[in-house]
C-alpha cells in the first residue's frame, strides 16, 4: 500500500511541476508489473494502482523501470513518509528526512 501511495504522490508532484515525460524508478517489482499490466491489482491497494495507471496515461510518456533499493533510497524514503502526509505538504519544500539522502546522492555523483 505504501508503494502505491508513494507512486501516486510522485505522479501528482510531477504533474504539479509541469513534467510531461516520466521515467519512474521503483525498487518493487510487484508495483512495476502491476503498472505494466494496466494497474490491475486484487490487493488492498487496487484502487490506488488503478488511479496511478490512469494518471500515468495523462502524461505524454511514462515508463516504469526497476532499480534496486540501494540506488533508489529517496524513493524508498518517500514511500515510507507517504503514509503520513499529502503531496501538497512537500511541494514547496521536501521533508528533512529526504534532504539528507538527496545531498548524499549528489555528493556520490559529484565525486565519481
Protein backbone atom coordinates (compact mmCIF):
# COMPACT_ATOMS: atom_id res chain seq x y z
CA UNK A 1 0.00 0.00 0.00
CA UNK A 2 2.83 2.42 0.88
CA UNK A 3 4.49 1.88 -2.50
CA UNK A 4 1.23 2.58 -4.34
CA UNK A 5 0.65 5.74 -2.29
CA UNK A 6 4.20 6.91 -2.96
CA UNK A 7 3.71 6.31 -6.67
CA UNK A 8 0.51 8.36 -6.65
CA UNK A 9 2.33 11.10 -4.73
CA UNK A 10 5.18 11.12 -7.27
CA UNK A 11 2.80 11.32 -10.21
CA UNK A 12 0.93 14.18 -8.54
CA UNK A 13 4.17 16.02 -7.85
CA UNK A 14 5.41 15.52 -11.43
CA UNK A 15 2.18 16.98 -12.76
CA UNK A 16 2.36 19.98 -10.41
CA UNK A 17 5.88 20.88 -11.51
CA UNK A 18 4.92 20.56 -15.18
CA UNK A 19 6.65 17.33 -16.17
CA UNK A 20 5.16 15.55 -19.16
CA UNK A 21 7.63 12.71 -19.83
CA UNK A 22 8.45 10.41 -16.94
CA UNK A 23 10.77 7.54 -16.19
CA UNK A 24 9.51 6.13 -12.92
CA UNK A 25 12.18 4.25 -10.95
CA UNK A 26 10.88 1.72 -8.44
CA UNK A 27 12.53 -0.91 -6.29
CA UNK A 28 9.37 -3.01 -6.07
CA UNK A 29 8.88 -5.43 -8.97
CA UNK A 30 5.28 -6.10 -7.97
CA UNK A 31 4.41 -2.43 -8.44
CA UNK A 32 6.22 -2.31 -11.79
CA UNK A 33 4.40 -5.40 -13.06
CA UNK A 34 1.05 -4.09 -11.81
CA UNK A 35 1.54 -0.80 -13.65
CA UNK A 36 2.73 -2.53 -16.83
CA UNK A 37 -0.42 -4.67 -16.70
CA UNK A 38 -2.74 -1.66 -16.70
CA UNK A 39 -2.80 -1.01 -12.95
CA UNK A 40 -4.92 -4.10 -12.32
CA UNK A 41 -4.49 -5.46 -8.83
CA UNK A 42 -6.57 -7.55 -6.47
CA UNK A 43 -4.78 -6.37 -3.34
CA UNK A 44 -5.68 -3.73 -0.79
CA UNK A 45 -4.14 -1.03 -2.98
CA UNK A 46 -6.17 -1.93 -6.11
CA UNK A 47 -7.98 1.42 -6.31
CA UNK A 48 -4.73 3.35 -5.84
CA UNK A 49 -3.00 1.36 -8.59
CA UNK A 50 -5.94 1.98 -10.91
CA UNK A 51 -5.72 5.72 -10.19
CA UNK A 52 -1.96 5.66 -10.79
CA UNK A 53 -2.30 3.87 -14.10
CA UNK A 54 -4.87 6.31 -15.44
CA UNK A 55 -2.89 9.24 -14.05
CA UNK A 56 0.30 7.96 -15.76
CA UNK A 57 -1.61 7.75 -19.05
CA UNK A 58 -2.23 11.51 -18.86
CA UNK A 59 1.49 12.19 -19.35
CA UNK A 60 2.95 12.39 -22.87
CA UNK A 61 5.23 9.49 -21.96
CA UNK A 62 5.72 7.39 -18.86
CA UNK A 63 7.93 4.35 -18.37
CA UNK A 64 8.41 2.14 -15.32
CA UNK A 65 11.90 0.79 -14.55
CA UNK A 66 13.32 -1.33 -11.74
CA UNK A 67 16.16 -0.02 -9.59
CA UNK A 68 17.45 -1.76 -6.51
CA UNK A 69 16.79 -0.05 -3.20
CA UNK A 70 20.40 1.00 -2.76
CA UNK A 71 20.15 3.11 -5.92
CA UNK A 72 16.70 4.36 -5.02
CA UNK A 73 16.93 5.49 -1.39
CA UNK A 74 14.99 8.72 -1.94
CA UNK A 75 12.01 6.86 -3.39
CA UNK A 76 12.10 4.37 -0.54
CA UNK A 77 12.02 7.19 2.00
CA UNK A 78 9.15 8.89 0.16
CA UNK A 79 7.23 5.61 0.22
CA UNK A 80 7.73 5.42 3.97
CA UNK A 81 6.69 9.05 4.52
CA UNK A 82 3.75 8.97 2.08
CA UNK A 83 1.66 7.08 4.62
CA UNK A 84 1.54 10.17 6.84
CA UNK A 85 1.29 13.21 4.57
CA UNK A 86 -0.09 14.63 1.32
CA UNK A 87 1.76 15.64 -1.86
CA UNK A 88 0.89 19.28 -1.24
CA UNK A 89 2.81 19.11 2.06
CA UNK A 90 6.05 18.53 0.13
CA UNK A 91 5.56 20.67 -2.93
CA UNK A 92 7.38 23.78 -1.74
CA UNK A 93 9.95 22.12 0.49
CA UNK A 94 10.99 18.46 0.77
CA UNK A 95 10.95 16.80 4.19
CA UNK A 96 14.19 16.99 6.17
CA UNK A 97 14.46 13.18 6.11
CA UNK A 98 14.73 13.26 2.32
CA UNK A 99 17.05 16.28 2.00
CA UNK A 100 19.98 14.47 3.64
CA UNK A 101 19.54 11.49 1.30
CA UNK A 102 19.34 13.78 -1.73
CA UNK A 103 22.52 15.57 -0.66
CA UNK A 104 24.29 12.24 -0.24
CA UNK A 105 23.19 11.18 -3.75
CA UNK A 106 24.52 14.44 -5.21
CA UNK A 107 27.85 14.02 -3.40
CA UNK A 108 28.23 10.46 -4.67
CA UNK A 109 27.58 11.55 -8.27
CA UNK A 110 29.83 14.60 -7.89
CA UNK A 111 32.73 12.54 -6.53
CA UNK A 112 32.55 9.88 -9.27
